[in-house]
mmCIF file of all heavy atoms, coordinates in Angstrom:
data_MODEL
# 
_entry.id   MODEL 
# 
loop_
_atom_site.group_PDB 
_atom_site.id 
_atom_site.type_symbol 
_atom_site.label_atom_id 
_atom_site.label_alt_id 
_atom_site.label_comp_id 
_atom_site.label_asym_id 
_atom_site.label_entity_id 
_atom_site.label_seq_id 
_atom_site.pdbx_PDB_ins_code 
_atom_site.Cartn_x 
_atom_site.Cartn_y 
_atom_site.Cartn_z 
_atom_site.occupancy 
_atom_site.B_iso_or_equiv 
_atom_site.pdbx_formal_charge 
_atom_site.auth_seq_id 
_atom_site.auth_comp_id 
_atom_site.auth_asym_id 
_atom_site.auth_atom_id 
_atom_site.pdbx_PDB_model_num 
ATOM 1   N N   . HIS A 1 1  ? -71.054 123.593 -6.849  1.00 0.00 ? 1  HIS A N   1 
ATOM 2   C CA  . HIS A 1 1  ? -72.055 122.723 -6.214  1.00 0.00 ? 1  HIS A CA  1 
ATOM 3   C C   . HIS A 1 1  ? -71.727 122.577 -4.724  1.00 0.00 ? 1  HIS A C   1 
ATOM 4   O O   . HIS A 1 1  ? -71.653 121.474 -4.192  1.00 0.00 ? 1  HIS A O   1 
ATOM 5   C CB  . HIS A 1 1  ? -72.110 121.358 -6.906  1.00 0.00 ? 1  HIS A CB  1 
ATOM 6   C CG  . HIS A 1 1  ? -72.615 121.436 -8.312  1.00 0.00 ? 1  HIS A CG  1 
ATOM 7   N ND1 . HIS A 1 1  ? -73.950 121.464 -8.636  1.00 0.00 ? 1  HIS A ND1 1 
ATOM 8   C CD2 . HIS A 1 1  ? -71.943 121.532 -9.490  1.00 0.00 ? 1  HIS A CD2 1 
ATOM 9   C CE1 . HIS A 1 1  ? -74.093 121.547 -9.946  1.00 0.00 ? 1  HIS A CE1 1 
ATOM 10  N NE2 . HIS A 1 1  ? -72.894 121.599 -10.481 1.00 0.00 ? 1  HIS A NE2 1 
ATOM 11  N N   . ALA A 1 2  ? -71.518 123.747 -4.092  1.00 0.00 ? 2  ALA A N   1 
ATOM 12  C CA  . ALA A 1 2  ? -71.045 123.742 -2.703  1.00 0.00 ? 2  ALA A CA  1 
ATOM 13  C C   . ALA A 1 2  ? -71.808 124.728 -1.838  1.00 0.00 ? 2  ALA A C   1 
ATOM 14  O O   . ALA A 1 2  ? -71.265 125.284 -0.885  1.00 0.00 ? 2  ALA A O   1 
ATOM 15  C CB  . ALA A 1 2  ? -69.549 124.075 -2.682  1.00 0.00 ? 2  ALA A CB  1 
ATOM 16  N N   . SER A 1 3  ? -73.090 124.947 -2.156  1.00 0.00 ? 3  SER A N   1 
ATOM 17  C CA  . SER A 1 3  ? -73.870 125.907 -1.367  1.00 0.00 ? 3  SER A CA  1 
ATOM 18  C C   . SER A 1 3  ? -74.302 125.346 -0.025  1.00 0.00 ? 3  SER A C   1 
ATOM 19  O O   . SER A 1 3  ? -74.517 126.102 0.923   1.00 0.00 ? 3  SER A O   1 
ATOM 20  C CB  . SER A 1 3  ? -75.112 126.340 -2.165  1.00 0.00 ? 3  SER A CB  1 
ATOM 21  O OG  . SER A 1 3  ? -74.745 127.088 -3.296  1.00 0.00 ? 3  SER A OG  1 
ATOM 22  N N   . ASN A 1 4  ? -74.445 124.035 0.066   1.00 0.00 ? 4  ASN A N   1 
ATOM 23  C CA  . ASN A 1 4  ? -74.874 123.399 1.314   1.00 0.00 ? 4  ASN A CA  1 
ATOM 24  C C   . ASN A 1 4  ? -73.640 122.917 2.066   1.00 0.00 ? 4  ASN A C   1 
ATOM 25  O O   . ASN A 1 4  ? -72.949 121.976 1.636   1.00 0.00 ? 4  ASN A O   1 
ATOM 26  C CB  . ASN A 1 4  ? -75.810 122.228 1.000   1.00 0.00 ? 4  ASN A CB  1 
ATOM 27  C CG  . ASN A 1 4  ? -76.398 121.604 2.245   1.00 0.00 ? 4  ASN A CG  1 
ATOM 28  O OD1 . ASN A 1 4  ? -75.687 121.301 3.197   1.00 0.00 ? 4  ASN A OD1 1 
ATOM 29  N ND2 . ASN A 1 4  ? -77.706 121.379 2.237   1.00 0.00 ? 4  ASN A ND2 1 
ATOM 30  N N   . ASP A 1 5  ? -73.343 123.543 3.204   1.00 0.00 ? 5  ASP A N   1 
ATOM 31  C CA  . ASP A 1 5  ? -72.110 123.217 3.928   1.00 0.00 ? 5  ASP A CA  1 
ATOM 32  C C   . ASP A 1 5  ? -72.147 121.830 4.562   1.00 0.00 ? 5  ASP A C   1 
ATOM 33  O O   . ASP A 1 5  ? -71.098 121.227 4.795   1.00 0.00 ? 5  ASP A O   1 
ATOM 34  C CB  . ASP A 1 5  ? -71.832 124.269 5.004   1.00 0.00 ? 5  ASP A CB  1 
ATOM 35  C CG  . ASP A 1 5  ? -71.260 125.550 4.423   1.00 0.00 ? 5  ASP A CG  1 
ATOM 36  O OD1 . ASP A 1 5  ? -70.826 125.526 3.266   1.00 0.00 ? 5  ASP A OD1 1 
ATOM 37  O OD2 . ASP A 1 5  ? -71.254 126.574 5.127   1.00 0.00 ? 5  ASP A OD2 1 
ATOM 38  N N   . TRP A 1 6  ? -73.322 121.307 4.876   1.00 0.00 ? 6  TRP A N   1 
ATOM 39  C CA  . TRP A 1 6  ? -73.398 119.942 5.394   1.00 0.00 ? 6  TRP A CA  1 
ATOM 40  C C   . TRP A 1 6  ? -72.947 118.956 4.315   1.00 0.00 ? 6  TRP A C   1 
ATOM 41  O O   . TRP A 1 6  ? -72.130 118.076 4.559   1.00 0.00 ? 6  TRP A O   1 
ATOM 42  C CB  . TRP A 1 6  ? -74.828 119.603 5.818   1.00 0.00 ? 6  TRP A CB  1 
ATOM 43  C CG  . TRP A 1 6  ? -75.421 120.544 6.818   1.00 0.00 ? 6  TRP A CG  1 
ATOM 44  C CD1 . TRP A 1 6  ? -74.760 121.256 7.773   1.00 0.00 ? 6  TRP A CD1 1 
ATOM 45  C CD2 . TRP A 1 6  ? -76.804 120.872 6.957   1.00 0.00 ? 6  TRP A CD2 1 
ATOM 46  N NE1 . TRP A 1 6  ? -75.634 122.009 8.507   1.00 0.00 ? 6  TRP A NE1 1 
ATOM 47  C CE2 . TRP A 1 6  ? -76.905 121.790 8.044   1.00 0.00 ? 6  TRP A CE2 1 
ATOM 48  C CE3 . TRP A 1 6  ? -77.970 120.476 6.298   1.00 0.00 ? 6  TRP A CE3 1 
ATOM 49  C CZ2 . TRP A 1 6  ? -78.138 122.319 8.448   1.00 0.00 ? 6  TRP A CZ2 1 
ATOM 50  C CZ3 . TRP A 1 6  ? -79.197 121.002 6.710   1.00 0.00 ? 6  TRP A CZ3 1 
ATOM 51  C CH2 . TRP A 1 6  ? -79.269 121.904 7.775   1.00 0.00 ? 6  TRP A CH2 1 
ATOM 52  N N   . ILE A 1 7  ? -73.508 119.132 3.109   1.00 0.00 ? 7  ILE A N   1 
ATOM 53  C CA  . ILE A 1 7  ? -73.150 118.238 2.006   1.00 0.00 ? 7  ILE A CA  1 
ATOM 54  C C   . ILE A 1 7  ? -71.689 118.429 1.624   1.00 0.00 ? 7  ILE A C   1 
ATOM 55  O O   . ILE A 1 7  ? -70.974 117.453 1.339   1.00 0.00 ? 7  ILE A O   1 
ATOM 56  C CB  . ILE A 1 7  ? -74.073 118.496 0.798   1.00 0.00 ? 7  ILE A CB  1 
ATOM 57  C CG1 . ILE A 1 7  ? -75.516 118.106 1.158   1.00 0.00 ? 7  ILE A CG1 1 
ATOM 58  C CG2 . ILE A 1 7  ? -73.599 117.740 -0.428  1.00 0.00 ? 7  ILE A CG2 1 
ATOM 59  C CD1 . ILE A 1 7  ? -76.543 118.445 0.092   1.00 0.00 ? 7  ILE A CD1 1 
ATOM 60  N N   . LEU A 1 8  ? -71.231 119.673 1.635   1.00 0.00 ? 8  LEU A N   1 
ATOM 61  C CA  . LEU A 1 8  ? -69.828 119.942 1.303   1.00 0.00 ? 8  LEU A CA  1 
ATOM 62  C C   . LEU A 1 8  ? -68.893 119.252 2.290   1.00 0.00 ? 8  LEU A C   1 
ATOM 63  O O   . LEU A 1 8  ? -67.877 118.658 1.894   1.00 0.00 ? 8  LEU A O   1 
ATOM 64  C CB  . LEU A 1 8  ? -69.569 121.443 1.297   1.00 0.00 ? 8  LEU A CB  1 
ATOM 65  C CG  . LEU A 1 8  ? -68.119 121.855 1.066   1.00 0.00 ? 8  LEU A CG  1 
ATOM 66  C CD1 . LEU A 1 8  ? -67.673 121.503 -0.343  1.00 0.00 ? 8  LEU A CD1 1 
ATOM 67  C CD2 . LEU A 1 8  ? -67.904 123.331 1.343   1.00 0.00 ? 8  LEU A CD2 1 
ATOM 68  N N   . THR A 1 9  ? -69.220 119.312 3.582   1.00 0.00 ? 9  THR A N   1 
ATOM 69  C CA  . THR A 1 9  ? -68.374 118.668 4.595   1.00 0.00 ? 9  THR A CA  1 
ATOM 70  C C   . THR A 1 9  ? -68.301 117.167 4.348   1.00 0.00 ? 9  THR A C   1 
ATOM 71  O O   . THR A 1 9  ? -67.219 116.556 4.415   1.00 0.00 ? 9  THR A O   1 
ATOM 72  C CB  . THR A 1 9  ? -68.912 118.953 5.993   1.00 0.00 ? 9  THR A CB  1 
ATOM 73  O OG1 . THR A 1 9  ? -69.022 120.360 6.176   1.00 0.00 ? 9  THR A OG1 1 
ATOM 74  C CG2 . THR A 1 9  ? -67.989 118.372 7.061   1.00 0.00 ? 9  THR A CG2 1 
ATOM 75  N N   . ARG A 1 10 ? -69.445 116.574 4.078   1.00 0.00 ? 10 ARG A N   1 
ATOM 76  C CA  . ARG A 1 10 ? -69.462 115.128 3.795   1.00 0.00 ? 10 ARG A CA  1 
ATOM 77  C C   . ARG A 1 10 ? -68.636 114.816 2.546   1.00 0.00 ? 10 ARG A C   1 
ATOM 78  O O   . ARG A 1 10 ? -67.920 113.812 2.493   1.00 0.00 ? 10 ARG A O   1 
ATOM 79  C CB  . ARG A 1 10 ? -70.903 114.648 3.602   1.00 0.00 ? 10 ARG A CB  1 
ATOM 80  C CG  . ARG A 1 10 ? -71.025 113.153 3.380   1.00 0.00 ? 10 ARG A CG  1 
ATOM 81  C CD  . ARG A 1 10 ? -72.485 112.725 3.402   1.00 0.00 ? 10 ARG A CD  1 
ATOM 82  N NE  . ARG A 1 10 ? -72.612 111.285 3.293   1.00 0.00 ? 10 ARG A NE  1 
ATOM 83  C CZ  . ARG A 1 10 ? -72.838 110.637 2.160   1.00 0.00 ? 10 ARG A CZ  1 
ATOM 84  N NH1 . ARG A 1 10 ? -72.983 111.308 1.023   1.00 0.00 ? 10 ARG A NH1 1 
ATOM 85  N NH2 . ARG A 1 10 ? -72.936 109.312 2.155   1.00 0.00 ? 10 ARG A NH2 1 
ATOM 86  N N   . ARG A 1 11 ? -68.714 115.691 1.540   1.00 0.00 ? 11 ARG A N   1 
ATOM 87  C CA  . ARG A 1 11 ? -67.934 115.476 0.319   1.00 0.00 ? 11 ARG A CA  1 
ATOM 88  C C   . ARG A 1 11 ? -66.438 115.568 0.594   1.00 0.00 ? 11 ARG A C   1 
ATOM 89  O O   . ARG A 1 11 ? -65.648 114.766 0.075   1.00 0.00 ? 11 ARG A O   1 
ATOM 90  C CB  . ARG A 1 11 ? -68.348 116.509 -0.732  1.00 0.00 ? 11 ARG A CB  1 
ATOM 91  C CG  . ARG A 1 11 ? -67.818 116.231 -2.129  1.00 0.00 ? 11 ARG A CG  1 
ATOM 92  C CD  . ARG A 1 11 ? -68.543 117.097 -3.131  1.00 0.00 ? 11 ARG A CD  1 
ATOM 93  N NE  . ARG A 1 11 ? -67.950 118.413 -3.273  1.00 0.00 ? 11 ARG A NE  1 
ATOM 94  C CZ  . ARG A 1 11 ? -68.585 119.464 -3.767  1.00 0.00 ? 11 ARG A CZ  1 
ATOM 95  N NH1 . ARG A 1 11 ? -69.850 119.356 -4.137  1.00 0.00 ? 11 ARG A NH1 1 
ATOM 96  N NH2 . ARG A 1 11 ? -67.978 120.630 -3.893  1.00 0.00 ? 11 ARG A NH2 1 
ATOM 97  N N   . LEU A 1 12 ? -66.035 116.528 1.411   1.00 0.00 ? 12 LEU A N   1 
ATOM 98  C CA  . LEU A 1 12 ? -64.621 116.653 1.758   1.00 0.00 ? 12 LEU A CA  1 
ATOM 99  C C   . LEU A 1 12 ? -64.130 115.430 2.522   1.00 0.00 ? 12 LEU A C   1 
ATOM 100 O O   . LEU A 1 12 ? -63.005 114.953 2.301   1.00 0.00 ? 12 LEU A O   1 
ATOM 101 C CB  . LEU A 1 12 ? -64.408 117.918 2.586   1.00 0.00 ? 12 LEU A CB  1 
ATOM 102 C CG  . LEU A 1 12 ? -64.411 119.237 1.810   1.00 0.00 ? 12 LEU A CG  1 
ATOM 103 C CD1 . LEU A 1 12 ? -64.644 120.412 2.749   1.00 0.00 ? 12 LEU A CD1 1 
ATOM 104 C CD2 . LEU A 1 12 ? -63.101 119.415 1.046   1.00 0.00 ? 12 LEU A CD2 1 
ATOM 105 N N   . LEU A 1 13 ? -64.956 114.901 3.414   1.00 0.00 ? 13 LEU A N   1 
ATOM 106 C CA  . LEU A 1 13 ? -64.589 113.678 4.128   1.00 0.00 ? 13 LEU A CA  1 
ATOM 107 C C   . LEU A 1 13 ? -64.412 112.517 3.155   1.00 0.00 ? 13 LEU A C   1 
ATOM 108 O O   . LEU A 1 13 ? -63.437 111.748 3.247   1.00 0.00 ? 13 LEU A O   1 
ATOM 109 C CB  . LEU A 1 13 ? -65.661 113.335 5.164   1.00 0.00 ? 13 LEU A CB  1 
ATOM 110 C CG  . LEU A 1 13 ? -65.727 114.236 6.399   1.00 0.00 ? 13 LEU A CG  1 
ATOM 111 C CD1 . LEU A 1 13 ? -67.004 113.964 7.185   1.00 0.00 ? 13 LEU A CD1 1 
ATOM 112 C CD2 . LEU A 1 13 ? -64.503 114.011 7.281   1.00 0.00 ? 13 LEU A CD2 1 
ATOM 113 N N   . ALA A 1 14 ? -65.353 112.397 2.205   1.00 0.00 ? 14 ALA A N   1 
ATOM 114 C CA  . ALA A 1 14 ? -65.278 111.296 1.237   1.00 0.00 ? 14 ALA A CA  1 
ATOM 115 C C   . ALA A 1 14 ? -64.029 111.405 0.378   1.00 0.00 ? 14 ALA A C   1 
ATOM 116 O O   . ALA A 1 14 ? -63.401 110.391 0.033   1.00 0.00 ? 14 ALA A O   1 
ATOM 117 C CB  . ALA A 1 14 ? -66.535 111.286 0.374   1.00 0.00 ? 14 ALA A CB  1 
ATOM 118 N N   . LEU A 1 15 ? -63.650 112.642 0.020   1.00 0.00 ? 15 LEU A N   1 
ATOM 119 C CA  . LEU A 1 15 ? -62.433 112.830 -0.784  1.00 0.00 ? 15 LEU A CA  1 
ATOM 120 C C   . LEU A 1 15 ? -61.196 112.362 -0.026  1.00 0.00 ? 15 LEU A C   1 
ATOM 121 O O   . LEU A 1 15 ? -60.177 112.016 -0.643  1.00 0.00 ? 15 LEU A O   1 
ATOM 122 C CB  . LEU A 1 15 ? -62.281 114.302 -1.177  1.00 0.00 ? 15 LEU A CB  1 
ATOM 123 C CG  . LEU A 1 15 ? -63.265 114.825 -2.226  1.00 0.00 ? 15 LEU A CG  1 
ATOM 124 C CD1 . LEU A 1 15 ? -63.149 116.344 -2.368  1.00 0.00 ? 15 LEU A CD1 1 
ATOM 125 C CD2 . LEU A 1 15 ? -63.004 114.158 -3.578  1.00 0.00 ? 15 LEU A CD2 1 
ATOM 126 N N   . CYS A 1 16 ? -61.276 112.365 1.302   1.00 0.00 ? 16 CYS A N   1 
ATOM 127 C CA  . CYS A 1 16 ? -60.165 111.880 2.128   1.00 0.00 ? 16 CYS A CA  1 
ATOM 128 C C   . CYS A 1 16 ? -60.349 110.424 2.530   1.00 0.00 ? 16 CYS A C   1 
ATOM 129 O O   . CYS A 1 16 ? -59.637 109.904 3.402   1.00 0.00 ? 16 CYS A O   1 
ATOM 130 C CB  . CYS A 1 16 ? -60.023 112.754 3.368   1.00 0.00 ? 16 CYS A CB  1 
ATOM 131 S SG  . CYS A 1 16 ? -59.553 114.462 3.008   1.00 0.00 ? 16 CYS A SG  1 
ATOM 132 N N   . GLY A 1 17 ? -61.333 109.751 1.913   1.00 0.00 ? 17 GLY A N   1 
ATOM 133 C CA  . GLY A 1 17 ? -61.535 108.325 2.162   1.00 0.00 ? 17 GLY A CA  1 
ATOM 134 C C   . GLY A 1 17 ? -62.350 107.988 3.384   1.00 0.00 ? 17 GLY A C   1 
ATOM 135 O O   . GLY A 1 17 ? -62.356 106.830 3.816   1.00 0.00 ? 17 GLY A O   1 
ATOM 136 N N   . VAL A 1 18 ? -63.067 108.982 3.936   1.00 0.00 ? 18 VAL A N   1 
ATOM 137 C CA  . VAL A 1 18 ? -63.876 108.743 5.134   1.00 0.00 ? 18 VAL A CA  1 
ATOM 138 C C   . VAL A 1 18 ? -65.351 108.898 4.765   1.00 0.00 ? 18 VAL A C   1 
ATOM 139 O O   . VAL A 1 18 ? -65.786 109.993 4.387   1.00 0.00 ? 18 VAL A O   1 
ATOM 140 C CB  . VAL A 1 18 ? -63.511 109.723 6.265   1.00 0.00 ? 18 VAL A CB  1 
ATOM 141 C CG1 . VAL A 1 18 ? -64.414 109.511 7.473   1.00 0.00 ? 18 VAL A CG1 1 
ATOM 142 C CG2 . VAL A 1 18 ? -62.044 109.559 6.644   1.00 0.00 ? 18 VAL A CG2 1 
ATOM 143 N N   . GLU A 1 19 ? -66.106 107.824 4.846   1.00 0.00 ? 19 GLU A N   1 
ATOM 144 C CA  . GLU A 1 19 ? -67.530 107.846 4.508   1.00 0.00 ? 19 GLU A CA  1 
ATOM 145 C C   . GLU A 1 19 ? -68.359 107.970 5.788   1.00 0.00 ? 19 GLU A C   1 
ATOM 146 O O   . GLU A 1 19 ? -68.241 107.146 6.700   1.00 0.00 ? 19 GLU A O   1 
ATOM 147 C CB  . GLU A 1 19 ? -67.918 106.577 3.756   1.00 0.00 ? 19 GLU A CB  1 
ATOM 148 C CG  . GLU A 1 19 ? -67.243 106.427 2.388   1.00 0.00 ? 19 GLU A CG  1 
ATOM 149 C CD  . GLU A 1 19 ? -67.748 107.444 1.367   1.00 0.00 ? 19 GLU A CD  1 
ATOM 150 O OE1 . GLU A 1 19 ? -68.829 108.046 1.610   1.00 0.00 ? 19 GLU A OE1 1 
ATOM 151 O OE2 . GLU A 1 19 ? -67.068 107.650 0.346   1.00 0.00 ? 19 GLU A OE2 1 
ATOM 152 N N   . VAL A 1 20 ? -69.177 109.001 5.859   1.00 0.00 ? 20 VAL A N   1 
ATOM 153 C CA  . VAL A 1 20 ? -70.037 109.247 7.017   1.00 0.00 ? 20 VAL A CA  1 
ATOM 154 C C   . VAL A 1 20 ? -71.425 109.602 6.504   1.00 0.00 ? 20 VAL A C   1 
ATOM 155 O O   . VAL A 1 20 ? -71.557 110.320 5.501   1.00 0.00 ? 20 VAL A O   1 
ATOM 156 C CB  . VAL A 1 20 ? -69.497 110.401 7.895   1.00 0.00 ? 20 VAL A CB  1 
ATOM 157 C CG1 . VAL A 1 20 ? -70.352 110.567 9.142   1.00 0.00 ? 20 VAL A CG1 1 
ATOM 158 C CG2 . VAL A 1 20 ? -68.036 110.160 8.269   1.00 0.00 ? 20 VAL A CG2 1 
ATOM 159 N N   . GLU A 1 21 ? -72.466 109.135 7.164   1.00 0.00 ? 21 GLU A N   1 
ATOM 160 C CA  . GLU A 1 21 ? -73.822 109.473 6.769   1.00 0.00 ? 21 GLU A CA  1 
ATOM 161 C C   . GLU A 1 21 ? -74.058 110.981 6.908   1.00 0.00 ? 21 GLU A C   1 
ATOM 162 O O   . GLU A 1 21 ? -73.555 111.614 7.854   1.00 0.00 ? 21 GLU A O   1 
ATOM 163 C CB  . GLU A 1 21 ? -74.837 108.718 7.624   1.00 0.00 ? 21 GLU A CB  1 
ATOM 164 C CG  . GLU A 1 21 ? -74.853 107.220 7.394   1.00 0.00 ? 21 GLU A CG  1 
ATOM 165 C CD  . GLU A 1 21 ? -75.286 106.865 5.977   1.00 0.00 ? 21 GLU A CD  1 
ATOM 166 O OE1 . GLU A 1 21 ? -76.166 107.581 5.429   1.00 0.00 ? 21 GLU A OE1 1 
ATOM 167 O OE2 . GLU A 1 21 ? -74.740 105.892 5.419   1.00 0.00 ? 21 GLU A OE2 1 
ATOM 168 N N   . LEU A 1 22 ? -74.827 111.535 5.975   1.00 0.00 ? 22 LEU A N   1 
ATOM 169 C CA  . LEU A 1 22 ? -75.085 112.969 5.994   1.00 0.00 ? 22 LEU A CA  1 
ATOM 170 C C   . LEU A 1 22 ? -75.755 113.392 7.294   1.00 0.00 ? 22 LEU A C   1 
ATOM 171 O O   . LEU A 1 22 ? -75.440 114.466 7.842   1.00 0.00 ? 22 LEU A O   1 
ATOM 172 C CB  . LEU A 1 22 ? -75.959 113.359 4.798   1.00 0.00 ? 22 LEU A CB  1 
ATOM 173 C CG  . LEU A 1 22 ? -76.331 114.840 4.695   1.00 0.00 ? 22 LEU A CG  1 
ATOM 174 C CD1 . LEU A 1 22 ? -75.094 115.713 4.575   1.00 0.00 ? 22 LEU A CD1 1 
ATOM 175 C CD2 . LEU A 1 22 ? -77.273 115.082 3.514   1.00 0.00 ? 22 LEU A CD2 1 
ATOM 176 N N   . GLU A 1 23 ? -76.652 112.575 7.823   1.00 0.00 ? 23 GLU A N   1 
ATOM 177 C CA  . GLU A 1 23 ? -77.336 112.933 9.066   1.00 0.00 ? 23 GLU A CA  1 
ATOM 178 C C   . GLU A 1 23 ? -76.350 113.104 10.211  1.00 0.00 ? 23 GLU A C   1 
ATOM 179 O O   . GLU A 1 23 ? -76.489 114.018 11.040  1.00 0.00 ? 23 GLU A O   1 
ATOM 180 C CB  . GLU A 1 23 ? -78.368 111.857 9.431   1.00 0.00 ? 23 GLU A CB  1 
ATOM 181 C CG  . GLU A 1 23 ? -79.554 111.785 8.494   1.00 0.00 ? 23 GLU A CG  1 
ATOM 182 C CD  . GLU A 1 23 ? -79.234 111.065 7.182   1.00 0.00 ? 23 GLU A CD  1 
ATOM 183 O OE1 . GLU A 1 23 ? -78.111 110.522 7.057   1.00 0.00 ? 23 GLU A OE1 1 
ATOM 184 O OE2 . GLU A 1 23 ? -80.099 111.057 6.290   1.00 0.00 ? 23 GLU A OE2 1 
ATOM 185 N N   . GLU A 1 24 ? -75.329 112.263 10.284  1.00 0.00 ? 24 GLU A N   1 
ATOM 186 C CA  . GLU A 1 24 ? -74.340 112.356 11.352  1.00 0.00 ? 24 GLU A CA  1 
ATOM 187 C C   . GLU A 1 24 ? -73.451 113.589 11.158  1.00 0.00 ? 24 GLU A C   1 
ATOM 188 O O   . GLU A 1 24 ? -73.121 114.289 12.128  1.00 0.00 ? 24 GLU A O   1 
ATOM 189 C CB  . GLU A 1 24 ? -73.491 111.087 11.398  1.00 0.00 ? 24 GLU A CB  1 
ATOM 190 C CG  . GLU A 1 24 ? -72.464 111.031 12.514  1.00 0.00 ? 24 GLU A CG  1 
ATOM 191 C CD  . GLU A 1 24 ? -73.089 111.041 13.911  1.00 0.00 ? 24 GLU A CD  1 
ATOM 192 O OE1 . GLU A 1 24 ? -74.318 110.910 14.041  1.00 0.00 ? 24 GLU A OE1 1 
ATOM 193 O OE2 . GLU A 1 24 ? -72.315 111.201 14.872  1.00 0.00 ? 24 GLU A OE2 1 
# 
């Protein structure tokens, strides 16, 4: 479930405890 690199980047940030809006 990693075809969209924008969503994947946000997911990787969240896994490290950093929440950022997808638009940003």
